[in-house]
Amino acid sequence: MMYPERFSNLPPYAWPRLRALLDVHGAGGDSINMTIGEPQHPFPAFVPDVLAQSVSEFSKYPTNEGAPDLLMAICGWIKRRYTVDLTRDRLMVLNGTREGLYNAAMALCPEFKNGKQPVVLLPNPFYQVYAIAALSVKAEPVMVPATALTGYLPDYASLPVDVLDRTTIAYICSPANPQGAVASREYWSTLIALAEKHDFKIFADECYSEIYRDKPPMGALEAAAAEGCDPERIVVFHSLSKRSNLPGLRSGFVASGQKNIKEIRQLRAYAGTPVPMPIQRVSERVWSDEQHVIANRAMYQDKFKDADVIFAGVNNYASPEAGFFLWLPVEDGEQAASKLWQKTGVRVLPGAYLSRPDPAGDPGIGYIRVALVAPKDETQRGLTLIHDCLYT
């Protein structure tokens, strides 16, 4: 009886909620979907060949933690990207990072912290899996505003000591979804020091790490190495979905200390599903190739330049540092999304569908999230329609 009660007060998931808002009305023009962050750029041309060459391996059960060659390819990418040396026993391959972000909490969150109910910290707005993971382990989810006042990243150090002393996990997304903010070296240093002082783990969701404007964002592994902190303090999640335009491949990884990864692998052995071997063969090749990532990033950079021109005169427009979303200020996100759909055919996501109200208000209600994943011409047309409909 206790399990369903934990989820009884959850609001509808964002996408059914959006359909209920928009689909009762006709589109005001040719539909342009700028809601979901599903990359539409080309994936690497070699993917079909690698998949065809390994298709016979669908007949085999895959290894639980990931094939040795794939783990070594990931280690190589981490070394090139972050100058951090990892061994294979500090990694596990994932069926996309949503699986990992959820199951790592199941594996690593204790039932009690200092004799009390544990706390899981998450930014507000947030990726929905963070909250459901907290509820699944009977923790108290504490949502911390990530607004313009805090640089669009949560200020966990501002929380009361009694909350921090019960904290077991702090989720952080950098580059941030939806705002595109990037955690600086100083931010990482402060968060790591806080985690060490109050003994909690940092779950770093870095799915957007390779889509940036100018400078590669610092990652949690890199920051942890620079700070000399315990590797068990940091749990990092990466994916091929955004980096390589392969959202349907469902392939990513989790990296941490040996003890954490042993626990996560153990849970997978009993209750999870290893990544099929042909998918692992493709992933190995994709993690080893950087040229397609550079080309992909350049396409996003062009679209962000277009956005900066189109919204140059909009008050409080913030050009994102990374990721592929715009977090556009409006008076009311639902009203703006509905107006856009009915007048132009452009679909966007109300910011409040990614956030929750708190005593200071709802940090998402005055925004819409706009995904820049479509081809350049379509994206430019959609952005122009948004500007002309909402800001003129």
Protein backbone atom coordinates (compact mmCIF):
# COMPACT_ATOMS: atom_id res chain seq x y z
CA MET A 1 0.00 0.00 0.00
CA MET A 2 2.91 2.37 0.68
CA TYR A 3 4.43 2.21 -2.82
CA PRO A 4 1.58 3.78 -4.83
CA GLU A 5 0.95 6.40 -2.14
CA ARG A 6 4.38 7.85 -2.79
CA PHE A 7 3.30 8.82 -6.32
CA SER A 8 -0.34 9.72 -5.75
CA ASN A 9 0.28 13.47 -5.66
CA LEU A 10 2.46 13.69 -8.75
CA PRO A 11 1.12 16.03 -11.44
CA PRO A 12 0.68 14.64 -14.97
CA TYR A 13 3.89 14.09 -16.91
CA ALA A 14 4.85 17.02 -19.13
CA TRP A 15 3.87 15.55 -22.50
CA PRO A 16 0.31 14.36 -21.73
CA ARG A 17 -0.16 17.68 -19.97
CA LEU A 18 1.00 19.57 -23.06
CA ARG A 19 -1.28 17.58 -25.37
CA ALA A 20 -4.23 18.36 -23.12
CA LEU A 21 -3.37 22.07 -23.31
CA LEU A 22 -2.81 22.34 -27.07
CA ASP A 23 -4.60 19.56 -28.91
CA VAL A 24 -8.08 20.81 -28.08
CA HIS A 25 -7.26 23.70 -30.46
CA GLY A 26 -6.34 23.73 -34.11
CA ALA A 27 -2.89 24.83 -35.23
CA GLY A 28 -2.65 28.39 -36.50
CA GLY A 29 -0.20 27.40 -39.22
CA ASP A 30 2.06 24.60 -40.37
CA SER A 31 3.12 22.76 -37.24
CA ILE A 32 6.69 23.32 -35.98
CA ASN A 33 7.51 21.15 -32.98
CA MET A 34 9.99 22.88 -30.68
CA THR A 35 8.99 21.06 -27.49
CA ILE A 36 11.00 17.89 -26.98
CA GLY A 37 14.79 17.76 -27.00
CA GLU A 38 15.01 15.05 -29.64
CA PRO A 39 18.04 15.79 -31.86
CA GLN A 40 17.30 15.84 -35.59
CA HIS A 41 20.81 16.41 -36.92
CA PRO A 42 22.36 13.47 -38.81
CA PHE A 43 23.96 10.75 -36.74
CA PRO A 44 27.39 9.41 -37.82
CA ALA A 45 27.32 7.82 -41.27
CA PHE A 46 29.14 4.70 -40.07
CA VAL A 47 26.43 3.67 -37.59
CA PRO A 48 24.37 1.45 -39.98
CA ASP A 49 27.47 -0.46 -41.12
CA VAL A 50 28.68 -1.14 -37.58
CA LEU A 51 25.19 -2.26 -36.58
CA ALA A 52 24.89 -4.57 -39.60
CA GLN A 53 28.29 -6.12 -38.92
CA SER A 54 27.32 -6.98 -35.34
CA VAL A 55 23.63 -7.84 -35.78
CA SER A 56 24.28 -11.53 -35.13
CA GLU A 57 25.15 -10.64 -31.54
CA PHE A 58 21.48 -10.02 -30.82
CA SER A 59 21.46 -13.78 -30.28
CA LYS A 60 23.67 -13.43 -27.20
CA TYR A 61 22.99 -12.15 -23.71
CA PRO A 62 25.03 -8.97 -23.25
CA THR A 63 27.49 -8.47 -20.43
CA ASN A 64 26.03 -6.76 -17.38
CA GLU A 65 28.50 -3.92 -16.97
CA GLY A 66 29.38 -3.39 -20.64
CA ALA A 67 31.77 -5.02 -23.09
CA PRO A 68 35.47 -4.46 -22.28
CA ASP A 69 36.12 -2.75 -25.61
CA LEU A 70 33.28 -0.30 -25.05
CA LEU A 71 34.40 0.45 -21.49
CA MET A 72 37.90 1.13 -22.79
CA ALA A 73 36.51 3.43 -25.49
CA ILE A 74 34.64 5.39 -22.81
CA CYS A 75 37.78 5.57 -20.67
CA GLY A 76 39.61 6.94 -23.70
CA TRP A 77 36.96 9.60 -24.30
CA ILE A 78 37.01 10.67 -20.64
CA LYS A 79 40.80 10.97 -20.80
CA ARG A 80 40.66 13.10 -23.95
CA ARG A 81 37.76 15.25 -22.79
CA TYR A 82 38.53 15.71 -19.10
CA THR A 83 42.18 14.57 -18.69
CA VAL A 84 41.00 12.08 -16.05
CA ASP A 85 42.21 8.47 -15.99
CA LEU A 86 39.53 5.91 -15.13
CA THR A 87 39.67 2.14 -14.98
CA ARG A 88 36.86 -0.07 -16.33
CA ASP A 89 35.68 -0.96 -12.83
CA ARG A 90 34.63 2.66 -12.38
CA LEU A 91 32.12 2.52 -15.24
CA MET A 92 28.87 0.87 -16.25
CA VAL A 93 27.13 1.13 -19.61
CA LEU A 94 23.52 2.37 -19.50
CA ASN A 95 20.37 2.09 -21.60
CA GLY A 96 20.34 5.88 -21.81
CA THR A 97 20.98 8.07 -18.79
CA ARG A 98 17.40 8.15 -17.49
CA GLU A 99 17.89 4.53 -16.39
CA GLY A 100 21.09 5.44 -14.61
CA LEU A 101 19.81 8.60 -12.95
CA TYR A 102 16.98 6.56 -11.46
CA ASN A 103 18.72 3.29 -10.61
CA ALA A 104 21.80 4.91 -9.08
CA ALA A 105 19.51 6.41 -6.44
CA MET A 106 17.96 2.98 -5.87
CA ALA A 107 21.42 1.47 -5.43
CA LEU A 108 23.12 4.19 -3.40
CA CYS A 109 20.55 6.02 -1.26
CA PRO A 110 20.40 4.67 2.32
CA GLU A 111 17.07 4.17 4.08
CA PHE A 112 18.06 6.62 6.82
CA LYS A 113 20.59 9.41 7.28
CA ASN A 114 21.60 10.18 10.85
CA GLY A 115 18.54 8.22 11.98
CA LYS A 116 16.14 10.37 9.92
CA GLN A 117 14.40 10.31 6.56
CA PRO A 118 16.99 11.05 3.86
CA VAL A 119 16.81 14.11 1.63
CA VAL A 120 17.47 14.24 -2.11
CA LEU A 121 18.24 17.69 -3.49
CA LEU A 122 17.24 18.70 -6.99
CA PRO A 123 17.16 21.92 -8.98
CA ASN A 124 13.85 23.58 -9.74
CA PRO A 125 13.08 23.40 -12.71
CA PHE A 126 14.33 19.84 -13.12
CA TYR A 127 14.36 16.68 -15.20
CA GLN A 128 11.39 14.66 -13.94
CA VAL A 129 13.33 11.47 -13.19
CA TYR A 130 15.18 13.19 -10.33
CA ALA A 131 11.96 13.59 -8.36
CA ILE A 132 10.60 10.11 -9.04
CA ALA A 133 13.94 8.62 -7.99
CA ALA A 134 13.76 10.49 -4.68
CA LEU A 135 10.23 9.30 -4.03
CA SER A 136 11.10 5.71 -4.99
CA VAL A 137 13.73 5.50 -2.25
CA LYS A 138 11.36 7.12 0.30
CA ALA A 139 13.54 10.22 0.48
CA GLU A 140 12.23 13.74 0.86
CA PRO A 141 12.76 15.62 -2.40
CA VAL A 142 13.90 19.18 -1.66
CA MET A 143 13.60 21.39 -4.73
CA VAL A 144 15.94 24.38 -4.81
CA PRO A 145 15.23 27.28 -7.19
CA ALA A 146 17.56 27.64 -10.17
CA THR A 147 16.70 31.15 -11.31
CA ALA A 148 18.38 34.22 -12.78
CA LEU A 149 19.27 35.26 -9.21
CA THR A 150 21.35 32.09 -8.74
CA GLY A 151 22.80 31.95 -12.26
CA TYR A 152 20.17 29.33 -13.19
CA LEU A 153 21.92 26.74 -10.99
CA PRO A 154 20.67 25.70 -7.53
CA ASP A 155 22.32 27.29 -4.50
CA TYR A 156 22.47 24.21 -2.30
CA ALA A 157 24.77 25.94 0.20
CA SER A 158 21.88 28.24 1.17
CA LEU A 159 19.88 25.37 2.66
CA PRO A 160 19.50 24.92 6.43
CA VAL A 161 22.09 22.75 8.14
CA ASP A 162 19.49 20.23 9.32
CA VAL A 163 18.42 19.64 5.68
CA LEU A 164 22.02 19.28 4.49
CA ASP A 165 22.77 16.85 7.31
CA ARG A 166 19.95 14.60 6.05
CA THR A 167 20.99 14.92 2.41
CA THR A 168 22.19 11.76 0.70
CA ILE A 169 22.12 12.81 -2.97
CA ALA A 170 22.24 16.15 -4.78
CA TYR A 171 21.30 16.15 -8.46
CA ILE A 172 22.94 18.77 -10.63
CA CYS A 173 22.51 19.19 -14.40
CA SER A 174 25.34 21.06 -16.13
CA PRO A 175 24.86 22.27 -18.79
CA ALA A 176 21.44 22.83 -17.31
CA ASN A 177 18.17 21.68 -18.83
CA PRO A 178 16.30 23.93 -19.51
CA GLN A 179 18.32 27.11 -18.93
CA GLY A 180 21.68 26.22 -20.53
CA ALA A 181 23.74 27.42 -17.55
CA VAL A 182 27.16 25.87 -16.96
CA ALA A 183 28.68 25.11 -13.56
CA SER A 184 31.97 26.97 -13.15
CA ARG A 185 35.07 25.70 -11.39
CA GLU A 186 34.05 27.78 -8.38
CA TYR A 187 30.54 26.30 -8.39
CA TRP A 188 31.92 22.76 -8.49
CA SER A 189 34.41 23.53 -5.72
CA THR A 190 31.68 24.90 -3.47
CA LEU A 191 29.36 21.96 -4.13
CA ILE A 192 32.08 19.36 -3.58
CA ALA A 193 33.13 21.01 -0.31
CA LEU A 194 29.49 21.04 0.79
CA ALA A 195 29.09 17.36 -0.09
CA GLU A 196 32.21 16.46 1.86
CA LYS A 197 31.16 18.51 4.88
CA HIS A 198 27.65 17.00 5.01
CA ASP A 199 28.51 13.58 3.57
CA PHE A 200 26.33 13.28 0.48
CA LYS A 201 26.87 12.22 -3.12
CA ILE A 202 26.69 14.47 -6.16
CA PHE A 203 24.77 13.03 -9.12
CA ALA A 204 26.02 15.01 -12.13
CA ASP A 205 23.78 14.82 -15.20
CA GLU A 206 26.06 15.91 -18.06
CA CYS A 207 24.04 14.85 -21.09
CA TYR A 208 24.48 18.25 -22.79
CA SER A 209 28.21 18.56 -22.14
CA GLU A 210 29.27 18.50 -25.81
CA ILE A 211 26.86 21.18 -27.07
CA TYR A 212 28.40 24.47 -26.05
CA ARG A 213 29.08 27.92 -27.45
CA ASP A 214 32.78 28.64 -26.91
CA LYS A 215 34.50 26.82 -24.06
CA PRO A 216 33.99 23.13 -23.13
CA PRO A 217 32.12 22.98 -19.82
CA MET A 218 34.05 21.63 -16.86
CA GLY A 219 32.71 18.23 -15.81
CA ALA A 220 32.27 16.77 -12.35
CA LEU A 221 35.00 14.16 -12.90
CA GLU A 222 37.42 16.93 -13.87
CA ALA A 223 36.41 19.07 -10.91
CA ALA A 224 36.65 16.16 -8.49
CA ALA A 225 40.15 15.32 -9.70
CA ALA A 226 41.21 18.96 -9.32
CA GLU A 227 39.78 19.07 -5.78
CA GLY A 228 41.29 15.71 -4.83
CA CYS A 229 37.99 14.49 -3.44
CA ASP A 230 36.94 10.89 -2.83
CA PRO A 231 35.83 9.34 -6.18
CA GLU A 232 32.82 7.84 -4.38
CA ARG A 233 31.54 11.37 -3.78
CA ILE A 234 30.79 11.92 -7.50
CA VAL A 235 28.43 9.93 -9.77
CA VAL A 236 28.46 11.17 -13.38
CA PHE A 237 26.06 10.38 -16.24
CA HIS A 238 26.68 10.79 -19.98
CA SER A 239 24.75 9.88 -23.10
CA LEU A 240 25.13 9.56 -26.87
CA SER A 241 21.66 11.01 -27.45
CA LYS A 242 22.66 14.68 -27.69
CA ARG A 243 26.39 14.40 -28.37
CA SER A 244 25.92 12.11 -31.37
CA ASN A 245 22.26 12.59 -32.38
CA LEU A 246 21.37 9.03 -31.36
CA PRO A 247 18.43 9.37 -28.94
CA GLY A 248 16.92 6.08 -30.12
CA LEU A 249 20.12 4.14 -29.52
CA ARG A 250 19.52 4.40 -25.75
CA SER A 251 23.18 4.32 -24.86
CA GLY A 252 25.13 6.09 -22.15
CA PHE A 253 27.27 5.40 -19.11
CA VAL A 254 27.66 6.11 -15.41
CA ALA A 255 31.08 6.76 -13.85
CA SER A 256 32.02 6.91 -10.19
CA GLY A 257 34.24 5.26 -7.60
CA GLN A 258 34.72 1.49 -7.59
CA LYS A 259 32.44 0.93 -4.59
CA ASN A 260 29.54 2.92 -6.05
CA ILE A 261 29.83 1.20 -9.41
CA LYS A 262 29.93 -2.20 -7.73
CA GLU A 263 26.62 -1.40 -6.02
CA ILE A 264 25.05 -0.08 -9.24
CA ARG A 265 26.21 -3.16 -11.17
CA GLN A 266 24.80 -5.41 -8.46
CA LEU A 267 21.36 -3.83 -8.79
CA ARG A 268 21.55 -4.19 -12.59
CA ALA A 269 22.40 -7.89 -12.19
CA TYR A 270 19.17 -8.52 -10.29
CA ALA A 271 16.74 -5.97 -11.66
CA GLY A 272 18.12 -4.28 -14.78
CA THR A 273 18.65 -4.92 -18.45
CA PRO A 274 22.13 -4.82 -20.01
CA VAL A 275 22.62 -2.96 -23.28
CA PRO A 276 22.37 -5.30 -26.33
CA MET A 277 25.74 -6.15 -27.85
CA PRO A 278 25.12 -4.60 -31.30
CA ILE A 279 24.24 -1.34 -29.56
CA GLN A 280 27.44 -1.62 -27.56
CA ARG A 281 29.48 -2.14 -30.76
CA VAL A 282 27.98 1.00 -32.28
CA SER A 283 28.55 2.91 -29.05
CA GLU A 284 32.20 1.89 -28.93
CA ARG A 285 32.77 3.34 -32.38
CA VAL A 286 30.79 6.51 -31.67
CA TRP A 287 32.63 7.33 -28.41
CA SER A 288 35.88 6.93 -30.33
CA ASP A 289 35.00 9.47 -33.03
CA GLU A 290 35.04 13.22 -32.41
CA GLN A 291 34.65 14.68 -35.89
CA HIS A 292 30.88 14.21 -36.01
CA VAL A 293 30.62 15.87 -32.58
CA ILE A 294 32.49 18.94 -33.80
CA ALA A 295 30.22 19.20 -36.84
CA ASN A 296 27.12 18.75 -34.69
CA ARG A 297 28.21 21.44 -32.25
CA ALA A 298 28.83 23.89 -35.10
CA MET A 299 25.24 23.48 -36.31
CA TYR A 300 23.91 24.33 -32.86
CA GLN A 301 26.26 27.29 -32.57
CA ASP A 302 24.84 28.69 -35.83
CA LYS A 303 21.30 28.36 -34.53
CA PHE A 304 22.16 30.10 -31.27
CA LYS A 305 23.63 32.99 -33.25
CA ASP A 306 20.32 33.23 -35.12
CA ALA A 307 18.42 33.20 -31.82
CA ASP A 308 20.60 35.98 -30.40
CA VAL A 309 19.79 38.17 -33.40
CA ILE A 310 16.05 37.41 -33.38
CA PHE A 311 15.61 38.02 -29.63
CA ALA A 312 18.20 40.81 -29.29
CA GLY A 313 15.62 43.38 -28.18
CA VAL A 314 13.69 41.14 -25.77
CA ASN A 315 13.93 42.15 -22.12
CA ASN A 316 15.58 39.51 -19.92
CA TYR A 317 16.52 37.31 -22.88
CA ALA A 318 19.50 35.22 -21.75
CA SER A 319 21.65 33.63 -24.42
CA PRO A 320 22.47 30.14 -23.07
CA GLU A 321 26.04 29.03 -22.55
CA ALA A 322 25.37 25.45 -23.64
CA GLY A 323 22.73 22.82 -24.35
CA PHE A 324 20.15 23.26 -27.11
CA PHE A 325 17.23 25.01 -25.40
CA LEU A 326 16.10 28.60 -25.11
CA TRP A 327 14.51 29.54 -21.78
CA LEU A 328 12.41 32.46 -22.92
CA PRO A 329 10.77 34.89 -20.48
CA VAL A 330 7.01 35.37 -20.86
CA GLU A 331 4.22 36.53 -18.57
CA ASP A 332 2.67 33.06 -18.30
CA GLY A 333 4.12 29.95 -19.95
CA GLU A 334 0.83 28.13 -20.51
CA GLN A 335 -0.86 31.16 -21.99
CA ALA A 336 2.13 31.84 -24.25
CA ALA A 337 2.32 28.22 -25.45
CA SER A 338 -1.41 28.14 -26.18
CA LYS A 339 -1.30 31.47 -28.02
CA LEU A 340 1.66 30.36 -30.12
CA TRP A 341 -0.03 27.13 -31.14
CA GLN A 342 -3.34 28.72 -32.03
CA LYS A 343 -1.85 31.65 -33.93
CA THR A 344 1.28 30.18 -35.55
CA GLY A 345 1.38 26.37 -35.24
CA VAL A 346 4.60 26.49 -33.19
CA ARG A 347 4.63 24.06 -30.23
CA VAL A 348 6.73 24.94 -27.18
CA LEU A 349 6.76 23.68 -23.60
CA PRO A 350 5.47 25.83 -20.72
CA GLY A 351 8.23 26.22 -18.17
CA ALA A 352 5.95 25.26 -15.29
CA TYR A 353 5.72 21.73 -16.71
CA LEU A 354 9.36 21.31 -15.63
CA SER A 355 9.07 22.96 -12.22
CA ARG A 356 7.10 22.95 -8.98
CA PRO A 357 5.72 25.83 -6.90
CA ASP A 358 7.53 26.78 -3.71
CA PRO A 359 6.88 29.50 -1.10
CA ALA A 360 8.64 32.07 -3.31
CA GLY A 361 6.54 31.12 -6.35
CA ASP A 362 6.98 28.84 -9.32
CA PRO A 363 10.37 29.38 -11.02
CA GLY A 364 9.10 27.98 -14.32
CA ILE A 365 5.76 29.73 -14.70
CA GLY A 366 7.16 32.81 -16.44
CA TYR A 367 9.05 30.92 -19.14
CA ILE A 368 8.69 28.70 -22.17
CA ARG A 369 11.30 26.14 -23.21
CA VAL A 370 12.16 26.09 -26.90
CA ALA A 371 14.20 23.24 -28.39
CA LEU A 372 16.57 24.15 -31.23
CA VAL A 373 16.87 20.62 -32.56
CA ALA A 374 15.28 20.94 -36.02
CA PRO A 375 17.24 21.90 -39.15
CA LYS A 376 18.49 25.49 -39.29
CA ASP A 377 15.84 26.86 -41.68
CA GLU A 378 12.94 25.36 -39.73
CA THR A 379 14.40 26.52 -36.44
CA GLN A 380 14.92 30.03 -37.76
CA ARG A 381 11.34 30.17 -39.03
CA GLY A 382 10.00 28.91 -35.69
CA LEU A 383 12.03 31.43 -33.70
CA THR A 384 10.86 34.28 -35.91
CA LEU A 385 7.24 33.25 -35.42
CA ILE A 386 7.75 33.08 -31.64
CA HIS A 387 9.29 36.54 -31.61
CA ASP A 388 6.61 38.12 -33.77
CA CYS A 389 3.76 36.46 -31.87
CA LEU A 390 4.94 37.04 -28.30
CA TYR A 391 7.31 40.00 -28.30
CA THR A 392 5.99 42.56 -30.79
